Amino acid sequence: MASSKIALGFQLISTMKSGHLGIILLGKSRSINTEIQRILVSLIVSLRCVQ
């Protein structure tokens, strides 16, 4: 379980670089916790503000 979460982390970092793809993946994979979704959405929003 822990290794899959680490793999998810790397995947999410790469998806954040490609923008909206992360949101699409979050919508499709329902096994992700809502907490992780909130964190990712806030990260994506903060990345947009920085850019």
C-alpha atoms as a PDB file:
ATOM      1  CA  MET A   1       0.000   0.000   0.000  1.00  0.00           C
ATOM      2  CA  ALA A   2       2.768   2.442   0.929  1.00  0.00           C
ATOM      3  CA  SER A   3       4.653   1.796  -2.298  1.00  0.00           C
ATOM      4  CA  SER A   4       1.532   2.491  -4.345  1.00  0.00           C
ATOM      5  CA  LYS A   5       1.080   5.807  -2.520  1.00  0.00           C
ATOM      6  CA  ILE A   6       4.689   6.724  -3.305  1.00  0.00           C
ATOM      7  CA  ALA A   7       4.104   5.803  -6.948  1.00  0.00           C
ATOM      8  CA  LEU A   8       0.967   7.952  -6.889  1.00  0.00           C
ATOM      9  CA  GLY A   9       3.032  10.829  -5.524  1.00  0.00           C
ATOM     10  CA  PHE A  10       5.482  10.641  -8.403  1.00  0.00           C
ATOM     11  CA  GLN A  11       2.617  10.379 -10.873  1.00  0.00           C
ATOM     12  CA  LEU A  12       0.918  13.412  -9.360  1.00  0.00           C
ATOM     13  CA  ILE A  13       4.109  15.471  -9.543  1.00  0.00           C
ATOM     14  CA  SER A  14       4.409  14.672 -13.242  1.00  0.00           C
ATOM     15  CA  THR A  15       0.720  15.411 -13.842  1.00  0.00           C
ATOM     16  CA  MET A  16       0.976  18.765 -12.088  1.00  0.00           C
ATOM     17  CA  LYS A  17       3.528  19.740 -14.721  1.00  0.00           C
ATOM     18  CA  SER A  18       0.980  19.012 -17.427  1.00  0.00           C
ATOM     19  CA  GLY A  19      -1.746  21.113 -15.792  1.00  0.00           C
ATOM     20  CA  HIS A  20      -5.374  20.062 -16.101  1.00  0.00           C
ATOM     21  CA  LEU A  21      -4.421  16.421 -16.657  1.00  0.00           C
ATOM     22  CA  GLY A  22      -4.118  16.036 -12.889  1.00  0.00           C
ATOM     23  CA  ILE A  23      -7.720  17.098 -12.356  1.00  0.00           C
ATOM     24  CA  ILE A  24      -8.899  14.659 -15.026  1.00  0.00           C
ATOM     25  CA  LEU A  25      -6.973  11.799 -13.395  1.00  0.00           C
ATOM     26  CA  LEU A  26      -8.401  12.714  -9.999  1.00  0.00           C
ATOM     27  CA  GLY A  27     -11.900  12.579 -11.411  1.00  0.00           C
ATOM     28  CA  LYS A  28     -11.329   9.154 -12.958  1.00  0.00           C
ATOM     29  CA  SER A  29      -9.561   7.382 -10.089  1.00  0.00           C
ATOM     30  CA  ARG A  30     -12.058   7.163  -7.250  1.00  0.00           C
ATOM     31  CA  SER A  31      -9.706   5.188  -5.020  1.00  0.00           C
ATOM     32  CA  ILE A  32      -7.896   8.415  -4.133  1.00  0.00           C
ATOM     33  CA  ASN A  33      -8.963   9.929  -0.825  1.00  0.00           C
ATOM     34  CA  THR A  34     -10.771  13.266  -0.816  1.00  0.00           C
ATOM     35  CA  GLU A  35      -7.988  14.636   1.392  1.00  0.00           C
ATOM     36  CA  ILE A  36      -5.436  13.921  -1.321  1.00  0.00           C
ATOM     37  CA  GLN A  37      -7.775  15.513  -3.850  1.00  0.00           C
ATOM     38  CA  ARG A  38      -8.009  18.690  -1.770  1.00  0.00           C
ATOM     39  CA  ILE A  39      -4.232  18.850  -1.393  1.00  0.00           C
ATOM     40  CA  LEU A  40      -3.721  18.365  -5.117  1.00  0.00           C
ATOM     41  CA  VAL A  41      -6.303  20.970  -6.069  1.00  0.00           C
ATOM     42  CA  SER A  42      -4.682  23.494  -3.734  1.00  0.00           C
ATOM     43  CA  LEU A  43      -1.260  22.627  -5.173  1.00  0.00           C
ATOM     44  CA  ILE A  44      -2.495  23.084  -8.731  1.00  0.00           C
ATOM     45  CA  VAL A  45      -4.126  26.397  -7.810  1.00  0.00           C
ATOM     46  CA  SER A  46      -0.966  27.626  -6.083  1.00  0.00           C
ATOM     47  CA  LEU A  47       1.109  26.595  -9.097  1.00  0.00           C
ATOM     48  CA  ARG A  48      -1.209  28.594 -11.336  1.00  0.00           C
ATOM     49  CA  CYS A  49      -0.826  31.649  -9.083  1.00  0.00           C
ATOM     50  CA  VAL A  50       2.976  31.355  -9.200  1.00  0.00           C
ATOM     51  CA  GLN A  51       2.957  31.175 -12.975  1.00  0.00           C
END
